[in-house]
N, C-alpha and C. Protein backbone atom coordinates (compact mmCIF):
# COMPACT_ATOMS: atom_id res chain seq x y z
N UNK A 1 0.77 -1.27 0.04
CA UNK A 1 -0.09 0.06 0.22
C UNK A 1 0.75 1.19 -0.08
N UNK A 2 0.23 2.45 -0.45
CA UNK A 2 0.94 3.58 -0.80
C UNK A 2 0.34 4.65 -0.02
N UNK A 3 0.77 5.57 1.17
CA UNK A 3 -0.14 6.57 1.37
C UNK A 3 0.52 7.96 1.02
N UNK A 4 -0.30 8.70 0.56
CA UNK A 4 -0.50 9.88 0.24
C UNK A 4 -0.83 11.17 1.20
N UNK A 5 0.23 11.52 1.88
CA UNK A 5 -0.47 12.60 2.73
C UNK A 5 -0.73 14.19 2.29
N UNK A 6 -1.53 14.82 2.20
CA UNK A 6 -1.89 15.95 1.93
C UNK A 6 -2.07 17.03 2.83
N UNK A 7 -1.26 18.48 2.68
CA UNK A 7 -1.63 19.18 3.31
C UNK A 7 -2.95 19.86 3.02
N UNK A 8 -3.57 20.73 3.79
CA UNK A 8 -4.98 21.19 3.53
C UNK A 8 -4.73 22.85 2.72
N UNK A 9 -4.76 23.88 3.73
CA UNK A 9 -4.77 25.18 3.20
C UNK A 9 -3.15 25.47 2.53
N UNK A 10 -3.58 26.13 0.96
CA UNK A 10 -2.34 26.42 0.21
C UNK A 10 -2.11 25.09 -0.56
N UNK A 11 -2.61 24.06 -0.34
CA UNK A 11 -2.39 22.60 -1.12
C UNK A 11 -3.53 22.41 -1.97
N UNK A 12 -4.55 22.00 -1.12
CA UNK A 12 -5.96 21.52 -1.55
C UNK A 12 -6.86 22.58 -1.56
N UNK A 13 -6.93 23.34 -0.60
CA UNK A 13 -8.09 24.64 -0.57
C UNK A 13 -7.04 26.01 -0.42
N UNK A 14 -7.78 27.06 -1.11
CA UNK A 14 -7.36 28.24 -0.92
C UNK A 14 -8.37 29.13 0.10
N UNK A 15 -7.68 28.91 1.51
CA UNK A 15 -8.73 29.29 2.36
C UNK A 15 -8.07 30.95 3.02
N UNK A 16 -7.24 31.36 1.93
CA UNK A 16 -6.60 32.62 2.64
C UNK A 16 -7.40 33.72 3.12
N UNK A 17 -8.73 33.94 2.57
CA UNK A 17 -9.73 34.83 2.69
C UNK A 17 -10.04 34.72 4.49
N UNK A 18 -10.90 33.44 4.49
CA UNK A 18 -10.89 33.07 5.73
C UNK A 18 -9.94 33.44 6.75
N UNK A 19 -8.93 32.92 6.60
CA UNK A 19 -7.51 33.05 7.34
C UNK A 19 -7.22 34.55 7.75
N UNK A 20 -7.47 35.17 6.62
CA UNK A 20 -7.21 36.66 7.09
C UNK A 20 -8.18 37.27 7.90
N UNK A 21 -9.65 36.72 8.01
CA UNK A 21 -10.47 36.84 8.72
C UNK A 21 -10.43 36.94 10.14
N UNK A 22 -9.48 35.43 10.05
CA UNK A 22 -9.64 35.13 11.85
C UNK A 22 -8.46 35.46 12.28
N UNK A 23 -7.38 36.15 11.72
CA UNK A 23 -6.35 36.67 12.21
C UNK A 23 -6.41 38.29 12.47
N UNK A 24 -7.46 38.91 11.68
CA UNK A 24 -7.89 40.15 12.19
C UNK A 24 -8.45 40.17 13.13
N UNK A 25 -9.42 39.08 13.79
CA UNK A 25 -10.54 39.18 14.66
C UNK A 25 -9.41 38.79 16.26
N UNK A 26 -8.35 38.10 15.95
CA UNK A 26 -7.58 37.46 16.69
C UNK A 26 -6.99 38.79 17.26
N UNK A 27 -6.29 39.58 16.50
CA UNK A 27 -5.79 40.68 16.83
C UNK A 27 -6.22 41.70 17.16
N UNK A 28 -7.56 41.78 16.91
CA UNK A 28 -8.58 42.95 17.40
C UNK A 28 -8.78 42.73 18.68
N UNK A 29 -8.88 41.29 19.09
CA UNK A 29 -9.41 40.67 20.45
C UNK A 29 -8.60 41.08 21.48
N UNK A 30 -7.19 41.39 21.21
CA UNK A 30 -6.26 42.02 22.40
C UNK A 30 -5.63 42.90 21.92
N UNK A 31 -6.13 43.77 21.16
CA UNK A 31 -6.00 45.25 20.86
C UNK A 31 -4.25 45.34 20.43
N UNK A 32 -4.17 44.66 19.15
CA UNK A 32 -2.69 44.73 18.92
C UNK A 32 -2.94 45.13 17.76
N UNK A 33 -1.86 45.56 17.17
CA UNK A 33 -2.07 45.84 15.36
C UNK A 33 -1.45 44.57 14.54
N UNK A 34 -2.51 44.35 13.27
CA UNK A 34 -2.34 43.32 12.56
C UNK A 34 -1.11 43.15 11.47
N UNK A 35 -0.49 42.33 11.74
CA UNK A 35 0.73 41.98 10.76
C UNK A 35 0.31 42.28 9.16
N UNK A 36 1.25 41.96 8.48
CA UNK A 36 1.01 42.36 6.81
C UNK A 36 0.41 41.14 6.61
N UNK A 37 -0.18 40.95 5.50
CA UNK A 37 -0.89 39.74 5.01
C UNK A 37 0.19 38.96 4.41
N UNK A 38 1.14 39.24 3.86
CA UNK A 38 2.15 38.41 3.19
C UNK A 38 2.75 37.71 4.82
N UNK A 39 3.24 38.26 6.18
CA UNK A 39 3.60 37.81 6.88
C UNK A 39 2.53 37.02 7.86
N UNK A 40 1.22 37.03 7.90
CA UNK A 40 0.56 36.38 8.16
C UNK A 40 0.12 34.93 7.10
N UNK A 41 0.31 34.98 5.84
CA UNK A 41 0.51 33.54 5.28
C UNK A 41 1.73 32.76 5.06
N UNK A 42 2.56 33.72 5.84
CA UNK A 42 4.00 32.95 5.79
C UNK A 42 3.58 31.75 6.91
N UNK A 43 2.88 31.78 7.79
CA UNK A 43 2.77 31.04 9.17
C UNK A 43 1.72 29.88 8.80
N UNK A 44 0.94 29.91 7.59
CA UNK A 44 -0.07 29.02 7.12
C UNK A 44 0.51 27.69 7.20
N UNK A 45 0.03 26.63 7.81
CA UNK A 45 0.59 25.41 8.05
C UNK A 45 0.85 25.09 9.55
N UNK A 46 1.12 26.18 10.09
CA UNK A 46 1.43 26.12 11.55
C UNK A 46 0.04 25.52 12.23
N UNK A 47 0.14 25.28 13.72
CA UNK A 47 -0.83 25.25 14.45
C UNK A 47 -0.95 26.77 14.88
N UNK A 48 -2.12 26.99 15.43
CA UNK A 48 -2.24 28.79 15.79
C UNK A 48 -1.34 28.88 16.66
N UNK A 49 -1.39 28.18 17.94
CA UNK A 49 -0.58 28.88 19.15
C UNK A 49 0.82 28.97 18.37
N UNK A 50 1.22 27.96 17.44
CA UNK A 50 2.86 28.36 17.16
C UNK A 50 3.06 29.60 15.93
N UNK A 51 1.71 29.40 15.34
CA UNK A 51 1.61 30.62 14.25
C UNK A 51 1.66 32.32 15.22
N UNK A 52 1.15 31.85 15.95
CA UNK A 52 1.21 33.41 16.96
C UNK A 52 2.19 33.27 17.52
N UNK A 53 2.53 32.67 18.29
CA UNK A 53 4.21 32.81 18.88
C UNK A 53 5.18 33.10 18.11
N UNK A 54 5.11 32.82 16.78
CA UNK A 54 6.13 33.27 15.69
C UNK A 54 5.99 34.81 15.06
N UNK A 55 4.29 35.14 14.88
CA UNK A 55 4.40 36.42 14.61
C UNK A 55 4.55 37.26 15.61
N UNK A 56 4.18 36.94 17.03
CA UNK A 56 4.84 37.84 18.37
C UNK A 56 6.11 38.29 18.42
N UNK A 57 6.69 36.93 18.15
CA UNK A 57 8.18 37.13 18.63
C UNK A 57 8.45 36.61 19.92
N UNK A 58 7.50 35.96 20.65
CA UNK A 58 7.57 35.61 21.90
C UNK A 58 6.67 34.76 22.52
N UNK A 59 6.88 34.22 23.79
CA UNK A 59 6.00 33.14 24.20
C UNK A 59 5.18 34.08 25.11
N UNK A 60 3.90 33.76 24.96
CA UNK A 60 3.18 34.37 25.95
C UNK A 60 1.86 33.80 26.11
N UNK A 61 1.85 32.32 26.65
CA UNK A 61 0.85 31.57 26.62
C UNK A 61 -0.78 32.46 26.85
N UNK A 62 -0.91 33.08 27.91
CA UNK A 62 -2.20 33.50 28.18
C UNK A 62 -2.47 34.57 27.17
N UNK A 63 -1.93 35.27 26.61
CA UNK A 63 -2.28 36.38 25.69
C UNK A 63 -2.81 35.44 24.17
N UNK A 64 -1.82 34.30 24.20
CA UNK A 64 -1.86 33.34 22.86
C UNK A 64 -3.32 32.59 22.75
N UNK A 65 -3.54 32.30 23.79
CA UNK A 65 -4.98 31.83 24.11
C UNK A 65 -5.81 32.50 23.88
N UNK A 66 -5.94 33.84 24.41
CA UNK A 66 -7.28 34.62 23.74
C UNK A 66 -7.06 34.83 22.54
N UNK A 67 -5.79 35.22 21.85
CA UNK A 67 -5.75 35.04 20.21
C UNK A 67 -6.43 33.78 19.46
N UNK A 68 -6.08 32.69 20.02
CA UNK A 68 -6.92 31.80 19.33
C UNK A 68 -8.12 31.23 19.81
N UNK A 69 -8.71 32.20 20.87
CA UNK A 69 -10.27 31.76 21.00
C UNK A 69 -10.81 33.05 20.08
N UNK A 70 -10.04 34.32 19.83
CA UNK A 70 -10.68 35.18 19.03
C UNK A 70 -10.60 34.68 17.62
N UNK A 71 -9.81 34.04 17.22
CA UNK A 71 -9.83 33.63 15.98
C UNK A 71 -10.79 32.53 15.66
N UNK A 72 -10.98 31.64 16.56
CA UNK A 72 -11.91 30.30 16.26
C UNK A 72 -13.42 30.91 16.35
N UNK A 73 -13.53 31.85 17.43
CA UNK A 73 -14.84 32.35 17.42
C UNK A 73 -15.53 32.98 16.34
N UNK A 74 -15.08 33.74 15.79
CA UNK A 74 -15.16 34.38 14.41
C UNK A 74 -15.39 33.31 13.04
N UNK A 75 -14.58 32.34 12.82
CA UNK A 75 -14.60 31.26 12.19
C UNK A 75 -15.74 30.42 12.39
N UNK A 76 -15.86 29.98 13.61
CA UNK A 76 -17.23 29.05 13.57
C UNK A 76 -18.56 29.82 13.59
N UNK A 77 -18.31 31.05 14.10
CA UNK A 77 -19.67 31.86 13.54
C UNK A 77 -20.23 32.27 12.26
N UNK A 78 -18.89 32.39 11.18
CA UNK A 78 -19.14 32.35 10.10
C UNK A 78 -19.79 30.84 9.66
N UNK A 79 -19.10 30.12 10.09
CA UNK A 79 -19.26 28.87 9.50
C UNK A 79 -20.49 28.21 9.82
N UNK A 80 -21.12 28.37 11.11
CA UNK A 80 -22.68 28.34 11.30
C UNK A 80 -23.49 28.93 10.55
N UNK A 81 -23.28 30.28 9.74
CA UNK A 81 -23.78 31.12 9.36
C UNK A 81 -23.76 30.80 7.74
N UNK A 82 -23.43 29.94 7.43
CA UNK A 82 -22.63 29.37 6.24
C UNK A 82 -21.96 30.53 5.06
N UNK A 83 -21.23 30.99 5.85
CA UNK A 83 -20.37 32.37 5.23
C UNK A 83 -18.94 31.98 4.72
N UNK A 84 -18.69 31.18 5.53
CA UNK A 84 -17.32 30.70 5.00
C UNK A 84 -17.30 29.60 3.96
N UNK A 85 -16.48 29.60 2.66
CA UNK A 85 -16.10 28.75 2.04
C UNK A 85 -14.82 28.57 1.22
N UNK A 86 -14.08 27.57 1.41
CA UNK A 86 -12.64 27.36 0.75
C UNK A 86 -12.77 26.68 -0.08
N UNK A 87 -12.67 27.54 -1.18
CA UNK A 87 -12.81 26.73 -2.36
C UNK A 87 -11.52 26.06 -2.95
N UNK A 88 -11.61 24.69 -3.28
CA UNK A 88 -10.19 23.88 -3.88
C UNK A 88 -9.98 24.27 -4.85
N UNK A 89 -8.53 24.33 -5.08
CA UNK A 89 -7.61 24.71 -6.54
C UNK A 89 -8.23 23.81 -7.43
N UNK A 90 -7.86 24.00 -8.78
CA UNK A 90 -8.19 23.80 -9.96
C UNK A 90 -7.81 22.32 -9.88
N UNK A 91 -8.35 21.12 -10.07
CA UNK A 91 -7.48 20.01 -10.48
C UNK A 91 -7.40 18.85 -9.28
N UNK A 92 -7.85 19.61 -7.91
CA UNK A 92 -8.01 18.89 -6.57
C UNK A 92 -8.89 17.51 -6.96
N UNK A 93 -10.21 18.05 -6.80
CA UNK A 93 -11.01 17.16 -6.96
C UNK A 93 -10.68 15.68 -7.63
N UNK A 94 -10.31 16.07 -9.18
CA UNK A 94 -10.29 15.47 -9.99
C UNK A 94 -8.65 14.16 -9.43
N UNK A 95 -7.99 14.91 -8.99
CA UNK A 95 -6.70 14.09 -8.65
C UNK A 95 -6.96 13.24 -7.53
N UNK A 96 -7.69 13.67 -6.37
CA UNK A 96 -8.18 13.10 -5.01
C UNK A 96 -8.96 11.97 -5.72
N UNK A 97 -10.11 11.98 -6.34
CA UNK A 97 -10.83 11.10 -6.84
C UNK A 97 -10.16 9.98 -7.56
N UNK A 98 -8.95 10.25 -8.45
CA UNK A 98 -8.16 9.36 -9.14
C UNK A 98 -7.65 8.39 -8.44
N UNK A 99 -6.85 8.88 -7.23
CA UNK A 99 -6.13 8.57 -6.52
C UNK A 99 -6.80 7.48 -5.20
N UNK A 100 -7.86 8.01 -4.97
CA UNK A 100 -8.99 7.31 -3.82
C UNK A 100 -9.08 6.37 -4.87
N UNK A 101 -9.60 6.06 -6.15
CA UNK A 101 -10.05 4.88 -6.78
C UNK A 101 -9.01 3.76 -6.81
N UNK A 102 -7.99 3.96 -6.88
CA UNK A 102 -6.77 2.91 -6.52
C UNK A 102 -6.60 2.23 -5.27
N UNK A 103 -7.00 0.65 -5.65
CA UNK A 103 -7.02 -0.11 -4.53
C UNK A 103 -6.11 -0.02 -3.68
N UNK A 104 -4.66 0.25 -4.39
CA UNK A 104 -3.15 0.12 -3.39
C UNK A 104 -3.00 1.46 -2.99
N UNK A 105 -3.85 2.51 -2.91
CA UNK A 105 -3.47 3.89 -2.40
C UNK A 105 -4.33 4.20 -1.10
N UNK A 106 -3.80 4.62 -0.30
CA UNK A 106 -4.64 5.21 0.93
C UNK A 106 -4.32 6.83 0.95
N UNK A 107 -5.11 8.01 1.27
CA UNK A 107 -5.10 9.09 1.25
C UNK A 107 -5.23 9.53 2.73
N UNK A 108 -4.17 10.66 3.24
CA UNK A 108 -4.21 10.99 4.54
C UNK A 108 -4.16 12.61 4.48
N UNK A 109 -4.31 13.54 5.64
CA UNK A 109 -4.40 14.83 5.72
C UNK A 109 -3.27 15.13 6.67
N UNK A 110 -2.70 15.88 6.42
CA UNK A 110 -2.00 17.04 7.68
C UNK A 110 -1.79 17.84 7.74
N UNK A 111 -2.90 18.95 8.52
CA UNK A 111 -2.88 20.10 8.66
C UNK A 111 -2.56 20.70 9.79
N UNK A 112 -2.62 22.32 9.98
CA UNK A 112 -2.44 23.10 11.19
C UNK A 112 -4.39 23.47 11.54
N UNK A 113 -5.22 22.87 10.70
CA UNK A 113 -6.90 23.19 10.98
C UNK A 113 -6.73 22.30 12.11
N UNK A 114 -8.02 23.02 13.00
CA UNK A 114 -8.73 22.07 14.43
C UNK A 114 -9.16 20.95 13.55
N UNK A 115 -9.57 19.56 13.90
CA UNK A 115 -10.50 18.76 13.27
C UNK A 115 -11.95 19.12 12.73
N UNK A 116 -12.37 19.91 13.67
CA UNK A 116 -13.79 20.38 13.14
C UNK A 116 -13.61 21.22 11.98
N UNK A 117 -12.67 21.81 11.66
CA UNK A 117 -12.69 22.76 10.53
C UNK A 117 -12.34 21.90 9.49
N UNK A 118 -11.43 21.09 9.56
CA UNK A 118 -11.10 20.05 8.19
C UNK A 118 -12.49 19.03 8.11
N UNK A 119 -13.34 18.64 9.29
CA UNK A 119 -14.28 17.87 9.02
C UNK A 119 -15.31 18.59 8.04
N UNK A 120 -15.25 19.88 8.39
CA UNK A 120 -16.54 20.94 7.84
C UNK A 120 -16.09 20.88 6.34
N UNK A 121 -14.86 21.07 6.13
CA UNK A 121 -14.21 21.37 4.72
C UNK A 121 -14.49 20.12 3.68
N UNK A 122 -14.15 19.07 4.53
CA UNK A 122 -14.93 17.61 3.97
C UNK A 122 -15.95 17.58 3.51
N UNK A 123 -16.94 17.85 4.12
CA UNK A 123 -18.38 17.92 3.93
C UNK A 123 -18.79 18.80 2.80
N UNK A 124 -18.15 19.69 3.13
CA UNK A 124 -18.41 20.79 2.16
C UNK A 124 -18.44 20.61 0.69
N UNK A 125 -17.29 19.82 0.53
CA UNK A 125 -17.00 19.18 -0.76
C UNK A 125 -17.24 18.04 -1.09
N UNK A 126 -17.94 17.40 -0.29
CA UNK A 126 -18.40 15.99 -0.21
C UNK A 126 -17.09 15.26 -0.79
N UNK A 127 -16.29 14.98 0.58
CA UNK A 127 -14.94 14.12 0.03
C UNK A 127 -15.20 13.00 1.38
N UNK A 128 -16.15 13.27 1.87
CA UNK A 128 -16.33 11.94 3.02
C UNK A 128 -15.90 10.51 2.37
N UNK A 129 -14.83 9.85 3.34
CA UNK A 129 -14.84 8.74 2.99
C UNK A 129 -13.54 8.84 2.04
N UNK A 130 -13.07 9.73 1.24
CA UNK A 130 -11.70 9.87 0.75
C UNK A 130 -10.44 9.69 1.42
N UNK A 131 -10.37 10.21 3.11
CA UNK A 131 -9.17 10.23 3.46
C UNK A 131 -9.08 8.98 4.26
N UNK A 132 -8.33 8.27 4.68
CA UNK A 132 -8.24 7.31 5.59
C UNK A 132 -7.87 7.65 7.17
N UNK A 133 -6.94 8.68 7.07
CA UNK A 133 -6.10 9.02 8.24
C UNK A 133 -6.54 10.52 8.39
N UNK A 134 -6.73 11.56 9.15
CA UNK A 134 -6.47 12.59 9.36
C UNK A 134 -5.75 13.22 10.85
N UNK A 135 -4.84 14.01 10.36
CA UNK A 135 -3.58 14.68 11.37
C UNK A 135 -4.15 16.05 11.49
N UNK A 136 -4.48 16.59 12.65
CA UNK A 136 -4.91 18.08 12.53
C UNK A 136 -4.17 18.57 13.72
N UNK A 137 -4.50 20.24 14.31
CA UNK A 137 -3.77 20.58 15.41
C UNK A 137 -4.17 20.16 16.78
N UNK A 138 -5.59 19.58 16.54
CA UNK A 138 -5.79 18.95 18.02
C UNK A 138 -5.29 17.64 18.30
N UNK A 139 -5.00 16.74 17.52
CA UNK A 139 -4.66 15.46 17.81
C UNK A 139 -2.83 15.01 17.51
N UNK A 140 -2.48 16.40 16.96
CA UNK A 140 -0.89 15.87 16.46
C UNK A 140 -0.02 17.25 16.92
N UNK A 141 1.19 17.01 17.20
CA UNK A 141 2.19 18.29 17.14
C UNK A 141 2.12 19.28 15.91
N UNK A 142 2.54 20.45 16.08
CA UNK A 142 2.57 21.29 14.89
C UNK A 142 3.58 20.93 14.14
N UNK A 143 3.47 21.25 12.60
CA UNK A 143 4.64 21.19 11.80
C UNK A 143 5.66 22.13 12.42
N UNK A 144 7.36 21.83 11.59
CA UNK A 144 7.37 20.57 11.28
C UNK A 144 7.85 19.44 11.93
N UNK A 145 7.63 19.47 12.94
CA UNK A 145 7.59 18.15 14.11
C UNK A 145 7.00 17.16 13.20
N UNK A 146 7.65 15.90 12.80
CA UNK A 146 7.35 14.63 12.19
C UNK A 146 5.94 13.93 12.81
N UNK A 147 5.38 14.41 13.85
CA UNK A 147 4.63 13.45 14.35
C UNK A 147 3.19 13.37 13.67
N UNK A 148 2.76 14.26 12.91
CA UNK A 148 1.67 13.96 11.98
C UNK A 148 2.00 13.00 11.14
N UNK A 149 2.95 13.13 10.21
CA UNK A 149 3.34 11.80 9.49
C UNK A 149 3.45 10.51 9.92
N UNK A 150 4.08 10.50 11.46
CA UNK A 150 4.40 9.12 11.81
C UNK A 150 2.89 8.63 12.39
N UNK A 151 2.13 9.65 12.77
CA UNK A 151 0.65 8.82 13.12
C UNK A 151 -0.02 8.35 11.92
N UNK A 152 0.09 9.11 10.95
CA UNK A 152 -0.43 8.91 9.81
C UNK A 152 0.22 7.35 9.45
N UNK A 153 1.10 7.04 9.54
CA UNK A 153 1.84 5.61 9.11
C UNK A 153 1.37 4.77 10.09
N UNK A 154 1.22 5.26 11.42
CA UNK A 154 0.74 4.43 12.25
C UNK A 154 -0.50 3.78 11.71
N UNK A 155 -1.33 4.61 11.71
CA UNK A 155 -3.11 4.34 11.65
C UNK A 155 -3.15 3.50 10.47
N UNK A 156 -2.42 3.56 9.21
CA UNK A 156 -2.28 2.86 8.10
C UNK A 156 -1.45 1.74 7.95
N UNK A 157 -0.55 1.76 8.73
CA UNK A 157 0.45 0.43 8.26
C UNK A 157 1.59 0.63 7.37
N UNK A 158 1.34 1.85 6.70
CA UNK A 158 2.37 2.08 5.33
C UNK A 158 3.38 2.67 6.18
N UNK A 159 4.63 1.78 5.37
CA UNK A 159 6.27 2.30 5.95
C UNK A 159 6.75 3.69 5.43
N UNK A 160 7.82 3.92 5.74
CA UNK A 160 8.14 5.28 4.98
C UNK A 160 8.65 5.11 3.54
N UNK A 161 9.17 4.03 2.76
CA UNK A 161 9.56 3.95 1.71
C UNK A 161 8.22 4.54 0.81
N UNK A 162 7.13 4.15 1.47
CA UNK A 162 5.79 3.90 0.69
C UNK A 162 4.79 5.15 0.82
N UNK A 163 5.44 6.14 1.72
CA UNK A 163 4.56 7.17 1.99
C UNK A 163 5.48 8.43 1.19
N UNK A 164 4.27 9.61 0.97
CA UNK A 164 5.09 10.70 0.55
C UNK A 164 3.85 11.91 1.14
N UNK A 165 4.65 13.09 1.11
CA UNK A 165 3.81 14.12 1.67
C UNK A 165 3.70 15.33 0.36
N UNK A 166 2.24 15.98 0.48
CA UNK A 166 2.46 16.72 -0.70
C UNK A 166 1.68 18.30 0.23
N UNK A 167 2.53 19.40 0.01
CA UNK A 167 2.24 20.45 0.32
C UNK A 167 3.01 21.73 -0.13
N UNK A 168 2.64 22.84 0.45
CA UNK A 168 2.55 24.30 -0.37
C UNK A 168 3.88 24.94 0.69
N UNK A 169 4.45 24.48 1.44
CA UNK A 169 4.94 25.39 2.71
C UNK A 169 6.22 24.72 3.08
N UNK A 170 7.00 25.63 3.40
CA UNK A 170 8.63 25.08 4.01
C UNK A 170 8.30 24.15 5.10
N UNK A 171 7.24 24.40 6.03
CA UNK A 171 7.06 23.48 7.36
C UNK A 171 6.67 22.00 6.77
N UNK A 172 5.81 22.04 5.45
CA UNK A 172 5.28 20.81 4.78
C UNK A 172 6.70 19.74 4.52
N UNK A 173 7.86 20.36 3.86
CA UNK A 173 8.89 19.93 3.53
C UNK A 173 9.87 19.44 4.60
N UNK A 174 9.55 20.46 5.62
CA UNK A 174 10.94 19.82 6.83
C UNK A 174 9.95 18.90 7.37
N UNK A 175 8.88 18.77 7.65
CA UNK A 175 8.12 17.76 8.78
C UNK A 175 8.55 16.56 7.81
N UNK A 176 8.44 16.54 6.31
CA UNK A 176 8.46 15.14 5.36
C UNK A 176 10.23 14.91 5.71
N UNK A 177 11.18 15.93 5.67
CA UNK A 177 12.57 15.50 5.86
C UNK A 177 12.90 15.10 7.22
N UNK A 178 12.52 15.49 8.27
CA UNK A 178 12.03 15.08 9.60
C UNK A 178 11.85 13.67 9.92
N UNK A 179 10.48 13.38 9.05
CA UNK A 179 9.88 11.97 9.03
C UNK A 179 10.99 10.89 8.33
N UNK A 180 11.93 11.36 7.38
CA UNK A 180 12.43 10.55 6.48
C UNK A 180 11.36 10.14 5.28
N UNK A 181 10.70 11.08 4.90
CA UNK A 181 9.71 10.53 3.59
C UNK A 181 10.17 11.46 2.64
N UNK A 182 9.67 11.19 1.58
CA UNK A 182 9.84 11.95 -0.14
C UNK A 182 8.47 12.97 0.16
N UNK A 183 9.13 14.01 -0.57
CA UNK A 183 7.70 15.17 -0.74
C UNK A 183 7.96 15.52 -2.24
N UNK A 184 6.53 16.42 -2.16
CA UNK A 184 5.98 17.07 -3.37
C UNK A 184 5.57 18.37 -2.87
N UNK A 185 6.27 19.66 -3.41
CA UNK A 185 6.23 20.72 -3.35
C UNK A 185 5.29 21.47 -4.19
N UNK A 186 4.09 22.14 -3.68
CA UNK A 186 3.09 22.67 -5.18
C UNK A 186 3.48 24.36 -4.97
N UNK A 187 3.13 24.97 -6.26
CA UNK A 187 3.84 26.35 -6.33
C UNK A 187 2.62 27.07 -6.28
N UNK A 188 1.42 26.97 -6.04
CA UNK A 188 0.46 27.64 -6.11
C UNK A 188 -0.39 27.88 -4.46
N UNK A 189 0.72 27.80 -3.79
CA UNK A 189 0.15 28.28 -2.37
C UNK A 189 1.07 29.26 -1.74
N UNK A 190 1.12 29.31 -0.32
CA UNK A 190 1.40 30.24 0.22
C UNK A 190 2.99 30.61 0.23
N UNK A 191 3.88 29.62 0.19
CA UNK A 191 5.07 29.86 -0.02
C UNK A 191 5.67 29.61 -1.34
N UNK A 192 7.09 30.59 -1.47
CA UNK A 192 7.29 30.59 -2.99
C UNK A 192 7.88 28.87 -3.27
N UNK A 193 7.95 28.96 -4.74
CA UNK A 193 9.12 27.90 -5.39
C UNK A 193 10.20 27.75 -5.01
N UNK A 194 11.07 28.80 -4.55
CA UNK A 194 12.12 28.64 -4.19
C UNK A 194 12.49 28.57 -2.59
N UNK A 195 11.59 28.73 -1.79
CA UNK A 195 11.58 28.41 -0.71
C UNK A 195 11.12 27.01 -0.20
N UNK A 196 9.99 26.42 -1.19
CA UNK A 196 9.95 25.00 -0.88
C UNK A 196 10.93 24.07 -1.49
N UNK A 197 11.86 24.44 -2.53
CA UNK A 197 12.63 23.69 -3.18
C UNK A 197 14.10 23.61 -1.99
N UNK A 198 14.11 25.03 -1.62
CA UNK A 198 15.16 25.01 -0.59
C UNK A 198 14.81 24.05 0.95
N UNK A 199 13.87 24.12 1.02
CA UNK A 199 13.30 23.11 2.48
C UNK A 199 13.32 21.38 2.27
N UNK A 200 13.78 21.54 0.92
CA UNK A 200 14.13 20.09 0.52
C UNK A 200 13.08 19.24 0.06
N UNK A 201 12.11 20.00 -0.65
CA UNK A 201 11.04 19.20 -1.48
C UNK A 201 11.86 18.43 -2.45
N UNK A 202 11.52 17.08 -2.64
CA UNK A 202 11.58 16.01 -3.89
C UNK A 202 11.36 16.41 -5.37
N UNK A 203 10.21 16.83 -5.28
CA UNK A 203 9.28 17.17 -6.44
C UNK A 203 8.96 18.33 -6.23
N UNK A 204 8.78 19.40 -7.19
CA UNK A 204 8.17 20.69 -7.22
C UNK A 204 7.05 20.54 -8.73
N UNK A 205 5.84 20.54 -7.98
CA UNK A 205 5.03 20.60 -9.33
C UNK A 205 4.28 22.30 -9.47
N UNK A 206 3.60 22.67 -11.04
CA UNK A 206 2.89 23.91 -10.82
C UNK A 206 1.41 23.60 -11.16
N UNK A 207 1.19 22.34 -11.15
CA UNK A 207 -0.65 22.29 -11.48
C UNK A 207 -0.83 20.51 -10.60
N UNK A 208 -2.01 20.73 -10.44
CA UNK A 208 -2.57 19.54 -9.96
C UNK A 208 -2.46 18.56 -10.80
N UNK A 209 -2.61 19.12 -12.41
CA UNK A 209 -2.53 17.61 -13.40
C UNK A 209 -0.79 17.10 -13.54
N UNK A 210 0.26 17.84 -12.68
CA UNK A 210 1.39 17.23 -12.58
C UNK A 210 1.55 16.19 -11.36
N UNK A 211 0.47 16.15 -10.50
CA UNK A 211 0.59 15.29 -9.37
C UNK A 211 1.06 13.71 -9.80
N UNK A 212 -0.18 13.09 -10.26
CA UNK A 212 -0.46 11.97 -10.69
C UNK A 212 1.09 11.16 -11.43
N UNK A 213 1.51 12.15 -12.56
CA UNK A 213 2.49 11.39 -13.25
C UNK A 213 3.75 11.52 -12.67
N UNK A 214 3.68 12.32 -11.48
CA UNK A 214 5.26 12.50 -10.65
C UNK A 214 5.06 11.01 -9.75
N UNK A 215 3.79 10.81 -9.21
CA UNK A 215 3.61 9.98 -8.03
C UNK A 215 3.86 8.81 -8.75
N UNK A 216 3.32 8.55 -10.18
CA UNK A 216 3.28 7.23 -11.38
C UNK A 216 5.33 7.00 -11.39
N UNK A 217 5.78 7.90 -11.62
CA UNK A 217 6.80 7.85 -11.55
C UNK A 217 8.00 7.58 -10.36
N UNK A 218 7.39 8.17 -8.96
CA UNK A 218 8.30 7.83 -8.06
C UNK A 218 7.91 6.31 -7.70
N UNK A 219 6.59 5.98 -7.41
CA UNK A 219 6.51 4.92 -7.00
C UNK A 219 6.28 3.55 -8.20
N UNK A 220 6.88 4.13 -9.45
CA UNK A 220 6.68 3.11 -10.26
C UNK A 220 5.17 2.57 -10.72
N UNK A 221 4.28 3.24 -10.59
CA UNK A 221 3.18 2.97 -11.05
C UNK A 221 3.00 2.56 -12.37
N UNK A 222 1.89 1.52 -12.66
CA UNK A 222 1.61 1.34 -14.09
C UNK A 222 0.46 2.59 -14.60
N UNK A 223 0.37 2.53 -15.53
CA UNK A 223 -0.86 3.61 -15.86
C UNK A 223 -2.04 3.53 -15.59
N UNK A 224 -2.69 2.26 -15.58
CA UNK A 224 -3.86 1.75 -15.53
C UNK A 224 -4.05 1.76 -13.80
N UNK A 225 -5.12 2.19 -13.65
CA UNK A 225 -5.54 1.86 -12.11
C UNK A 225 -5.64 0.71 -11.55
N UNK A 226 -5.07 0.66 -10.57
CA UNK A 226 -4.78 -0.79 -9.82
C UNK A 226 -6.06 -0.99 -9.46
């Protein structure tokens, strides 16, 4: 069996508008100036606590807890009113469906999202049953700690050699490297192609249509669906 682990924000879904709304609410809740959009998007992929610590440049657990609550409150309110929508990138659905149809492939998620948010996105895009394992901020350590990948492999019984990570940030590539697995960096997300390459991406692709050919070459698959 092969395990293909996907990041979510910036890889499968373009979540930046909702992310910015959440961060804006978080900073307002503690009366602090909002960092730039680029600075905020550079932290996408980290769990919220780690992202706020990085942006603040210091550890302040009480303050960060308040910011996380401010973020989550506005996002959950938007979700309850049906106002949040994270569109999937072009080609994502088709690639996921083709991979899920293979009998020798298991799909996983490794994301800085909370499990509630990830389950909502899966429901929104009718992806129930596509992912065998789901590693989120509330069940695993933040990237680039390799814990998400190790837990995904443990849950599926797939070894390092047959596991690969797909992501858009340096955190994804570093996590894969720390876990000892290969990685595919995508260029349509929130970190630059140069940064993803420098972080150790095994492969770099510019469109979802390139993903399955890269995986086929890496795993030496036949072209036919197994």
